[in-house]
Amino acid sequence: MQIPARREFKYLVPQRELPALRRFIEGVCVRDGHAGADGTYRLRSLYFDDARCSLFQAKEREASQRFNVRIRSYPDTPSAPVFAEIKGRVGDIIRKTRGPLPPDAWARIVAGEAPGALGSPGLDNFLARVYRHDLRPVVLLQYRREAWMSRLEEYGRLSIDTEIV
């Protein structure tokens, strides 16, 4: 599945400023419908890289063209799909493709086994990148996301990520 191209900006915001930020956006945003009763959900992302950490290095040097490869899950919702994702950047434009992984496929990918074609362009693109660049799982991140969506147009989103481990 191709997700529409977008611009993405990330900022470190002191925790003491979050209440004012929330008050500011409440007039133009609504909480993400996937959020729990507290307005958040947890994400778990397993990032892949090569032996030289080339994908990480490209991010660190802010290369104008780069991508990352990850498997993303939502651990608080066991019935939620597990997604294989490629997130690419060209200049300040972000493009993301993703596809739900069959339950038996993600563990085989993580183990370095070839599950064969997975039957969707997003998943096949994911596998092609993993094999072409000899990528392996290297970093597991988990965090809590408070996601807001614009009431004014479909494009705008604001995410507040906390409890990053």
N, C-alpha and C. Protein backbone atom coordinates (compact mmCIF):
# COMPACT_ATOMS: atom_id res chain seq x y z
N MET A 1 0.85 -1.16 0.00
CA MET A 1 0.00 0.00 0.00
C MET A 1 0.89 1.23 0.00
N GLN A 2 0.64 2.12 -0.95
CA GLN A 2 1.38 3.38 -1.04
C GLN A 2 0.63 4.42 -0.21
N ILE A 3 1.32 5.05 0.70
CA ILE A 3 0.74 6.11 1.52
C ILE A 3 1.09 7.42 0.84
N PRO A 4 0.15 8.38 0.75
CA PRO A 4 0.44 9.63 0.04
C PRO A 4 1.73 10.30 0.52
N ALA A 5 2.46 10.88 -0.42
CA ALA A 5 3.69 11.61 -0.09
C ALA A 5 3.35 12.76 0.84
N ARG A 6 4.29 13.10 1.72
CA ARG A 6 4.05 14.17 2.68
C ARG A 6 5.36 14.82 3.08
N ARG A 7 5.24 15.90 3.76
CA ARG A 7 6.40 16.54 4.40
C ARG A 7 6.33 16.18 5.88
N GLU A 8 7.48 16.00 6.47
CA GLU A 8 7.53 15.58 7.87
C GLU A 8 8.59 16.41 8.58
N PHE A 9 8.20 16.97 9.70
CA PHE A 9 9.12 17.76 10.52
C PHE A 9 9.08 17.22 11.93
N LYS A 10 10.25 17.08 12.55
CA LYS A 10 10.33 16.54 13.90
C LYS A 10 10.99 17.56 14.81
N TYR A 11 10.42 17.69 16.00
CA TYR A 11 10.93 18.66 16.98
C TYR A 11 10.98 18.00 18.35
N LEU A 12 11.96 18.36 19.13
CA LEU A 12 11.99 17.98 20.54
C LEU A 12 11.26 19.07 21.31
N VAL A 13 10.22 18.67 22.03
CA VAL A 13 9.41 19.62 22.78
C VAL A 13 9.52 19.27 24.26
N PRO A 14 9.89 20.22 25.10
CA PRO A 14 9.95 19.94 26.54
C PRO A 14 8.58 19.49 27.06
N GLN A 15 8.58 18.51 27.93
CA GLN A 15 7.33 17.95 28.45
C GLN A 15 6.45 19.03 29.09
N ARG A 16 7.05 20.03 29.71
CA ARG A 16 6.27 21.08 30.37
C ARG A 16 5.45 21.90 29.38
N GLU A 17 5.82 21.86 28.08
CA GLU A 17 5.10 22.62 27.06
C GLU A 17 3.98 21.82 26.39
N LEU A 18 3.88 20.53 26.68
CA LEU A 18 2.87 19.70 26.01
C LEU A 18 1.44 20.12 26.33
N PRO A 19 1.08 20.47 27.58
CA PRO A 19 -0.31 20.91 27.82
C PRO A 19 -0.71 22.11 26.95
N ALA A 20 0.17 23.07 26.80
CA ALA A 20 -0.14 24.24 25.96
C ALA A 20 -0.25 23.83 24.49
N LEU A 21 0.59 22.92 24.04
CA LEU A 21 0.52 22.44 22.66
C LEU A 21 -0.81 21.75 22.42
N ARG A 22 -1.22 20.90 23.36
CA ARG A 22 -2.51 20.20 23.21
C ARG A 22 -3.67 21.20 23.16
N ARG A 23 -3.67 22.20 24.03
CA ARG A 23 -4.74 23.21 24.01
C ARG A 23 -4.76 23.94 22.67
N PHE A 24 -3.60 24.22 22.14
CA PHE A 24 -3.48 24.94 20.87
C PHE A 24 -4.08 24.13 19.71
N ILE A 25 -3.79 22.83 19.66
CA ILE A 25 -4.24 22.03 18.51
C ILE A 25 -5.66 21.50 18.64
N GLU A 26 -6.22 21.49 19.85
CA GLU A 26 -7.57 20.93 20.04
C GLU A 26 -8.62 21.60 19.15
N GLY A 27 -8.43 22.86 18.80
CA GLY A 27 -9.40 23.54 17.95
C GLY A 27 -9.36 23.10 16.51
N VAL A 28 -8.25 22.53 16.06
CA VAL A 28 -8.12 22.17 14.65
C VAL A 28 -7.82 20.68 14.43
N CYS A 29 -7.67 19.93 15.51
CA CYS A 29 -7.32 18.51 15.38
C CYS A 29 -8.22 17.65 16.26
N VAL A 30 -8.32 16.38 15.90
CA VAL A 30 -8.99 15.36 16.70
C VAL A 30 -8.02 14.23 16.95
N ARG A 31 -8.25 13.48 18.01
CA ARG A 31 -7.39 12.33 18.30
C ARG A 31 -7.58 11.23 17.27
N ASP A 32 -6.51 10.52 17.02
CA ASP A 32 -6.53 9.37 16.12
C ASP A 32 -7.54 8.35 16.65
N GLY A 33 -8.37 7.83 15.77
CA GLY A 33 -9.39 6.86 16.16
C GLY A 33 -8.84 5.53 16.65
N HIS A 34 -7.56 5.25 16.40
CA HIS A 34 -6.95 4.00 16.87
C HIS A 34 -6.46 4.09 18.31
N ALA A 35 -6.53 5.27 18.89
CA ALA A 35 -6.00 5.47 20.24
C ALA A 35 -6.89 4.79 21.28
N GLY A 36 -6.26 4.44 22.39
CA GLY A 36 -6.99 3.86 23.51
C GLY A 36 -7.69 4.93 24.32
N ALA A 37 -8.21 4.53 25.47
CA ALA A 37 -8.97 5.45 26.33
C ALA A 37 -8.12 6.65 26.77
N ASP A 38 -6.81 6.46 26.89
CA ASP A 38 -5.94 7.56 27.30
C ASP A 38 -5.49 8.44 26.13
N GLY A 39 -5.99 8.15 24.91
CA GLY A 39 -5.64 8.94 23.75
C GLY A 39 -4.32 8.56 23.09
N THR A 40 -3.75 7.41 23.49
CA THR A 40 -2.46 6.98 22.94
C THR A 40 -2.53 5.53 22.49
N TYR A 41 -1.48 5.12 21.80
CA TYR A 41 -1.27 3.71 21.49
C TYR A 41 0.24 3.46 21.44
N ARG A 42 0.62 2.20 21.66
CA ARG A 42 2.04 1.85 21.61
C ARG A 42 2.41 1.35 20.22
N LEU A 43 3.62 1.69 19.81
CA LEU A 43 4.20 1.22 18.56
C LEU A 43 5.47 0.45 18.88
N ARG A 44 5.73 -0.57 18.10
CA ARG A 44 7.00 -1.30 18.21
C ARG A 44 7.55 -1.41 16.79
N SER A 45 8.76 -0.93 16.58
CA SER A 45 9.37 -0.95 15.25
C SER A 45 10.71 -1.65 15.31
N LEU A 46 10.87 -2.65 14.45
CA LEU A 46 12.12 -3.37 14.31
C LEU A 46 12.79 -2.86 13.03
N TYR A 47 13.90 -2.13 13.21
CA TYR A 47 14.62 -1.52 12.08
C TYR A 47 15.69 -2.46 11.56
N PHE A 48 15.85 -2.46 10.25
CA PHE A 48 16.84 -3.28 9.57
C PHE A 48 17.95 -2.38 9.06
N ASP A 49 19.16 -2.92 8.98
CA ASP A 49 20.30 -2.21 8.41
C ASP A 49 21.32 -3.24 7.95
N ASP A 50 22.33 -2.78 7.25
CA ASP A 50 23.39 -3.69 6.81
C ASP A 50 24.51 -3.72 7.87
N ALA A 51 25.54 -4.49 7.60
CA ALA A 51 26.63 -4.67 8.57
C ALA A 51 27.39 -3.37 8.84
N ARG A 52 27.36 -2.43 7.90
CA ARG A 52 28.06 -1.14 8.07
C ARG A 52 27.15 -0.05 8.63
N CYS A 53 25.90 -0.40 8.91
CA CYS A 53 24.89 0.57 9.40
C CYS A 53 24.72 1.72 8.41
N SER A 54 24.67 1.39 7.13
CA SER A 54 24.58 2.40 6.07
C SER A 54 23.31 3.23 6.14
N LEU A 55 22.19 2.59 6.49
CA LEU A 55 20.93 3.34 6.54
C LEU A 55 20.95 4.33 7.70
N PHE A 56 21.47 3.90 8.83
CA PHE A 56 21.61 4.80 9.98
C PHE A 56 22.57 5.94 9.66
N GLN A 57 23.69 5.62 9.03
CA GLN A 57 24.68 6.64 8.69
C GLN A 57 24.08 7.68 7.73
N ALA A 58 23.27 7.25 6.78
CA ALA A 58 22.63 8.18 5.85
C ALA A 58 21.71 9.14 6.60
N LYS A 59 21.01 8.62 7.60
CA LYS A 59 20.14 9.49 8.42
C LYS A 59 20.98 10.46 9.24
N GLU A 60 22.04 9.97 9.84
CA GLU A 60 22.89 10.83 10.68
C GLU A 60 23.52 11.98 9.89
N ARG A 61 23.92 11.71 8.66
CA ARG A 61 24.52 12.78 7.86
C ARG A 61 23.47 13.56 7.07
N GLU A 62 22.20 13.23 7.32
CA GLU A 62 21.06 13.91 6.70
C GLU A 62 21.15 13.88 5.17
N ALA A 63 21.46 12.70 4.64
CA ALA A 63 21.51 12.52 3.19
C ALA A 63 20.17 12.91 2.59
N SER A 64 20.19 13.62 1.47
CA SER A 64 18.94 14.10 0.89
C SER A 64 18.10 12.96 0.31
N GLN A 65 18.73 11.85 -0.04
CA GLN A 65 18.01 10.66 -0.47
C GLN A 65 18.38 9.51 0.44
N ARG A 66 17.39 8.99 1.13
CA ARG A 66 17.65 7.87 2.03
C ARG A 66 16.35 7.10 2.28
N PHE A 67 16.48 5.95 2.90
CA PHE A 67 15.30 5.15 3.25
C PHE A 67 15.61 4.35 4.50
N ASN A 68 14.53 3.90 5.15
CA ASN A 68 14.71 2.92 6.21
C ASN A 68 13.70 1.80 6.00
N VAL A 69 14.00 0.67 6.57
CA VAL A 69 13.22 -0.55 6.42
C VAL A 69 12.89 -1.04 7.82
N ARG A 70 11.60 -1.31 8.05
CA ARG A 70 11.20 -1.72 9.39
C ARG A 70 9.99 -2.64 9.33
N ILE A 71 9.83 -3.37 10.43
CA ILE A 71 8.60 -4.13 10.68
C ILE A 71 7.95 -3.45 11.87
N ARG A 72 6.68 -3.05 11.69
CA ARG A 72 5.99 -2.28 12.73
C ARG A 72 4.78 -3.05 13.24
N SER A 73 4.64 -3.03 14.57
CA SER A 73 3.48 -3.68 15.19
C SER A 73 2.90 -2.77 16.27
N TYR A 74 1.74 -3.16 16.73
CA TYR A 74 1.00 -2.40 17.74
C TYR A 74 0.73 -3.35 18.90
N PRO A 75 1.64 -3.42 19.87
CA PRO A 75 1.60 -4.47 20.89
C PRO A 75 0.38 -4.43 21.82
N ASP A 76 -0.28 -3.30 21.96
CA ASP A 76 -1.46 -3.25 22.83
C ASP A 76 -2.70 -3.82 22.15
N THR A 77 -2.60 -4.07 20.85
CA THR A 77 -3.74 -4.59 20.08
C THR A 77 -3.31 -5.87 19.38
N PRO A 78 -3.42 -7.01 20.05
CA PRO A 78 -2.94 -8.27 19.46
C PRO A 78 -3.56 -8.59 18.11
N SER A 79 -4.78 -8.12 17.84
CA SER A 79 -5.43 -8.41 16.57
C SER A 79 -4.96 -7.48 15.44
N ALA A 80 -4.20 -6.44 15.78
CA ALA A 80 -3.72 -5.50 14.75
C ALA A 80 -2.69 -6.20 13.86
N PRO A 81 -2.69 -5.87 12.57
CA PRO A 81 -1.70 -6.48 11.68
C PRO A 81 -0.28 -6.01 12.00
N VAL A 82 0.67 -6.81 11.58
CA VAL A 82 2.08 -6.45 11.61
C VAL A 82 2.41 -5.98 10.20
N PHE A 83 3.09 -4.82 10.09
CA PHE A 83 3.36 -4.24 8.78
C PHE A 83 4.84 -4.27 8.45
N ALA A 84 5.14 -4.56 7.18
CA ALA A 84 6.48 -4.38 6.63
C ALA A 84 6.45 -3.03 5.94
N GLU A 85 7.42 -2.16 6.26
CA GLU A 85 7.39 -0.80 5.75
C GLU A 85 8.74 -0.37 5.18
N ILE A 86 8.67 0.45 4.17
CA ILE A 86 9.83 1.19 3.66
C ILE A 86 9.45 2.65 3.70
N LYS A 87 10.27 3.44 4.38
CA LYS A 87 10.03 4.87 4.47
C LYS A 87 11.21 5.56 3.80
N GLY A 88 10.92 6.26 2.72
CA GLY A 88 11.97 6.91 1.96
C GLY A 88 11.85 8.42 2.00
N ARG A 89 12.97 9.08 1.84
CA ARG A 89 13.01 10.54 1.81
C ARG A 89 13.80 10.97 0.59
N VAL A 90 13.25 11.92 -0.14
CA VAL A 90 13.95 12.61 -1.22
C VAL A 90 13.74 14.09 -0.94
N GLY A 91 14.83 14.77 -0.56
CA GLY A 91 14.70 16.16 -0.12
C GLY A 91 13.86 16.21 1.14
N ASP A 92 12.77 16.98 1.10
CA ASP A 92 11.91 17.03 2.28
C ASP A 92 10.59 16.30 2.06
N ILE A 93 10.53 15.45 1.03
CA ILE A 93 9.33 14.68 0.75
C ILE A 93 9.51 13.25 1.26
N ILE A 94 8.53 12.79 2.03
CA ILE A 94 8.53 11.44 2.60
C ILE A 94 7.54 10.59 1.81
N ARG A 95 7.98 9.39 1.44
CA ARG A 95 7.09 8.41 0.82
C ARG A 95 7.22 7.12 1.61
N LYS A 96 6.06 6.53 1.89
CA LYS A 96 6.07 5.30 2.66
C LYS A 96 5.21 4.26 1.95
N THR A 97 5.75 3.04 1.87
CA THR A 97 4.96 1.91 1.40
C THR A 97 4.92 0.90 2.53
N ARG A 98 3.81 0.21 2.61
CA ARG A 98 3.67 -0.79 3.65
C ARG A 98 2.67 -1.83 3.22
N GLY A 99 2.77 -2.98 3.86
CA GLY A 99 1.82 -4.05 3.62
C GLY A 99 1.75 -4.92 4.84
N PRO A 100 0.57 -5.46 5.14
CA PRO A 100 0.46 -6.36 6.29
C PRO A 100 1.17 -7.68 6.01
N LEU A 101 1.96 -8.09 6.98
CA LEU A 101 2.69 -9.36 6.84
C LEU A 101 1.81 -10.52 7.27
N PRO A 102 1.83 -11.60 6.52
CA PRO A 102 1.15 -12.81 7.00
C PRO A 102 1.78 -13.24 8.34
N PRO A 103 0.97 -13.81 9.24
CA PRO A 103 1.47 -14.13 10.59
C PRO A 103 2.76 -14.95 10.62
N ASP A 104 2.95 -15.87 9.69
CA ASP A 104 4.15 -16.70 9.73
C ASP A 104 5.34 -16.07 9.01
N ALA A 105 5.12 -15.02 8.23
CA ALA A 105 6.19 -14.47 7.41
C ALA A 105 7.16 -13.59 8.18
N TRP A 106 6.67 -12.76 9.11
CA TRP A 106 7.57 -11.79 9.74
C TRP A 106 8.65 -12.48 10.55
N ALA A 107 8.32 -13.55 11.26
CA ALA A 107 9.33 -14.26 12.05
C ALA A 107 10.39 -14.89 11.14
N ARG A 108 9.97 -15.37 9.97
CA ARG A 108 10.93 -15.96 9.03
C ARG A 108 11.84 -14.88 8.47
N ILE A 109 11.31 -13.71 8.19
CA ILE A 109 12.14 -12.60 7.68
C ILE A 109 13.17 -12.20 8.72
N VAL A 110 12.74 -12.06 9.97
CA VAL A 110 13.64 -11.68 11.05
C VAL A 110 14.73 -12.73 11.23
N ALA A 111 14.39 -13.99 11.03
CA ALA A 111 15.37 -15.08 11.16
C ALA A 111 16.30 -15.17 9.95
N GLY A 112 16.06 -14.34 8.93
CA GLY A 112 16.91 -14.36 7.74
C GLY A 112 16.51 -15.39 6.72
N GLU A 113 15.34 -16.01 6.89
CA GLU A 113 14.85 -16.99 5.93
C GLU A 113 14.10 -16.27 4.82
N ALA A 114 14.12 -16.82 3.64
CA ALA A 114 13.41 -16.23 2.50
C ALA A 114 12.00 -16.79 2.45
N PRO A 115 10.99 -15.95 2.72
CA PRO A 115 9.62 -16.47 2.68
C PRO A 115 9.04 -16.52 1.27
N GLY A 116 9.80 -16.08 0.27
CA GLY A 116 9.29 -16.04 -1.10
C GLY A 116 8.44 -14.79 -1.31
N ALA A 117 7.85 -14.68 -2.48
CA ALA A 117 7.01 -13.53 -2.78
C ALA A 117 5.81 -13.53 -1.84
N LEU A 118 5.44 -12.35 -1.37
CA LEU A 118 4.34 -12.25 -0.41
C LEU A 118 3.05 -11.76 -1.06
N GLY A 119 3.08 -11.50 -2.36
CA GLY A 119 1.85 -11.26 -3.07
C GLY A 119 1.31 -9.85 -3.11
N SER A 120 2.05 -8.88 -2.65
CA SER A 120 1.59 -7.50 -2.78
C SER A 120 2.81 -6.65 -3.13
N PRO A 121 2.60 -5.57 -3.90
CA PRO A 121 3.74 -4.73 -4.29
C PRO A 121 4.51 -4.18 -3.09
N GLY A 122 3.81 -3.75 -2.05
CA GLY A 122 4.49 -3.20 -0.87
C GLY A 122 5.37 -4.23 -0.18
N LEU A 123 4.86 -5.43 -0.01
CA LEU A 123 5.63 -6.48 0.66
C LEU A 123 6.77 -6.99 -0.22
N ASP A 124 6.51 -7.13 -1.50
CA ASP A 124 7.58 -7.59 -2.39
C ASP A 124 8.69 -6.54 -2.49
N ASN A 125 8.35 -5.26 -2.47
CA ASN A 125 9.34 -4.18 -2.45
C ASN A 125 10.16 -4.25 -1.17
N PHE A 126 9.51 -4.51 -0.05
CA PHE A 126 10.19 -4.65 1.24
C PHE A 126 11.23 -5.78 1.15
N LEU A 127 10.79 -6.94 0.69
CA LEU A 127 11.71 -8.08 0.59
C LEU A 127 12.86 -7.80 -0.38
N ALA A 128 12.56 -7.14 -1.49
CA ALA A 128 13.62 -6.83 -2.46
C ALA A 128 14.68 -5.95 -1.82
N ARG A 129 14.28 -4.96 -1.02
CA ARG A 129 15.26 -4.10 -0.34
C ARG A 129 16.06 -4.89 0.68
N VAL A 130 15.39 -5.73 1.45
CA VAL A 130 16.08 -6.54 2.47
C VAL A 130 17.16 -7.38 1.81
N TYR A 131 16.83 -8.06 0.71
CA TYR A 131 17.79 -8.95 0.08
C TYR A 131 18.84 -8.19 -0.73
N ARG A 132 18.43 -7.15 -1.46
CA ARG A 132 19.37 -6.39 -2.29
C ARG A 132 20.46 -5.74 -1.45
N HIS A 133 20.08 -5.24 -0.27
CA HIS A 133 21.03 -4.52 0.57
C HIS A 133 21.56 -5.38 1.73
N ASP A 134 21.21 -6.66 1.76
CA ASP A 134 21.64 -7.58 2.81
C ASP A 134 21.34 -7.00 4.20
N LEU A 135 20.08 -6.66 4.40
CA LEU A 135 19.66 -6.04 5.66
C LEU A 135 19.28 -7.09 6.68
N ARG A 136 19.57 -6.76 7.93
CA ARG A 136 19.24 -7.63 9.07
C ARG A 136 18.62 -6.77 10.17
N PRO A 137 17.83 -7.36 11.05
CA PRO A 137 17.28 -6.59 12.17
C PRO A 137 18.42 -6.08 13.06
N VAL A 138 18.37 -4.80 13.43
CA VAL A 138 19.44 -4.24 14.25
C VAL A 138 18.94 -3.47 15.47
N VAL A 139 17.77 -2.84 15.40
CA VAL A 139 17.29 -2.01 16.51
C VAL A 139 15.80 -2.22 16.69
N LEU A 140 15.40 -2.44 17.93
CA LEU A 140 13.99 -2.55 18.27
C LEU A 140 13.63 -1.34 19.13
N LEU A 141 12.69 -0.53 18.64
CA LEU A 141 12.22 0.65 19.38
C LEU A 141 10.77 0.45 19.75
N GLN A 142 10.43 0.94 20.93
CA GLN A 142 9.04 0.92 21.35
C GLN A 142 8.73 2.28 21.97
N TYR A 143 7.57 2.79 21.71
CA TYR A 143 7.19 4.08 22.28
C TYR A 143 5.68 4.22 22.29
N ARG A 144 5.22 5.21 23.01
CA ARG A 144 3.81 5.53 23.10
C ARG A 144 3.56 6.75 22.23
N ARG A 145 2.51 6.68 21.40
CA ARG A 145 2.20 7.78 20.47
C ARG A 145 0.82 8.36 20.80
N GLU A 146 0.81 9.66 20.88
CA GLU A 146 -0.43 10.44 20.97
C GLU A 146 -0.57 11.10 19.60
N ALA A 147 -1.51 10.62 18.80
CA ALA A 147 -1.63 11.09 17.42
C ALA A 147 -2.88 11.94 17.25
N TRP A 148 -2.69 13.05 16.56
CA TRP A 148 -3.78 13.98 16.27
C TRP A 148 -3.89 14.13 14.76
N MET A 149 -5.13 14.25 14.27
CA MET A 149 -5.37 14.43 12.84
C MET A 149 -6.12 15.75 12.63
N SER A 150 -5.76 16.44 11.57
CA SER A 150 -6.37 17.73 11.27
C SER A 150 -7.86 17.59 10.96
N ARG A 151 -8.64 18.52 11.47
CA ARG A 151 -10.05 18.62 11.09
C ARG A 151 -10.21 19.42 9.80
N LEU A 152 -9.18 20.15 9.43
CA LEU A 152 -9.27 21.08 8.31
C LEU A 152 -8.97 20.43 6.96
N GLU A 153 -8.09 19.44 6.97
CA GLU A 153 -7.74 18.74 5.73
C GLU A 153 -7.11 17.41 6.08
N GLU A 154 -7.05 16.52 5.11
CA GLU A 154 -6.61 15.15 5.34
C GLU A 154 -5.11 15.01 5.57
N TYR A 155 -4.34 15.96 5.12
CA TYR A 155 -2.88 15.86 5.11
C TYR A 155 -2.25 16.02 6.49
N GLY A 156 -2.78 16.93 7.30
CA GLY A 156 -2.10 17.30 8.54
C GLY A 156 -2.25 16.30 9.66
N ARG A 157 -1.14 16.02 10.31
CA ARG A 157 -1.09 15.15 11.50
C ARG A 157 -0.06 15.72 12.45
N LEU A 158 -0.27 15.46 13.72
CA LEU A 158 0.71 15.81 14.73
C LEU A 158 0.81 14.61 15.66
N SER A 159 2.02 14.14 15.89
CA SER A 159 2.26 13.00 16.76
C SER A 159 3.18 13.42 17.90
N ILE A 160 2.82 13.01 19.10
CA ILE A 160 3.66 13.23 20.27
C ILE A 160 4.10 11.85 20.74
N ASP A 161 5.39 11.59 20.64
CA ASP A 161 5.93 10.28 21.01
C ASP A 161 6.66 10.39 22.35
N THR A 162 6.31 9.48 23.27
CA THR A 162 6.91 9.47 24.61
C THR A 162 7.24 8.03 25.00
N GLU A 163 7.83 7.87 26.16
CA GLU A 163 8.17 6.54 26.70
C GLU A 163 8.98 5.72 25.70
N ILE A 164 9.97 6.36 25.10
CA ILE A 164 10.77 5.72 24.06
C ILE A 164 11.82 4.81 24.72
N VAL A 165 11.78 3.54 24.34
CA VAL A 165 12.76 2.57 24.85
C VAL A 165 13.29 1.72 23.72
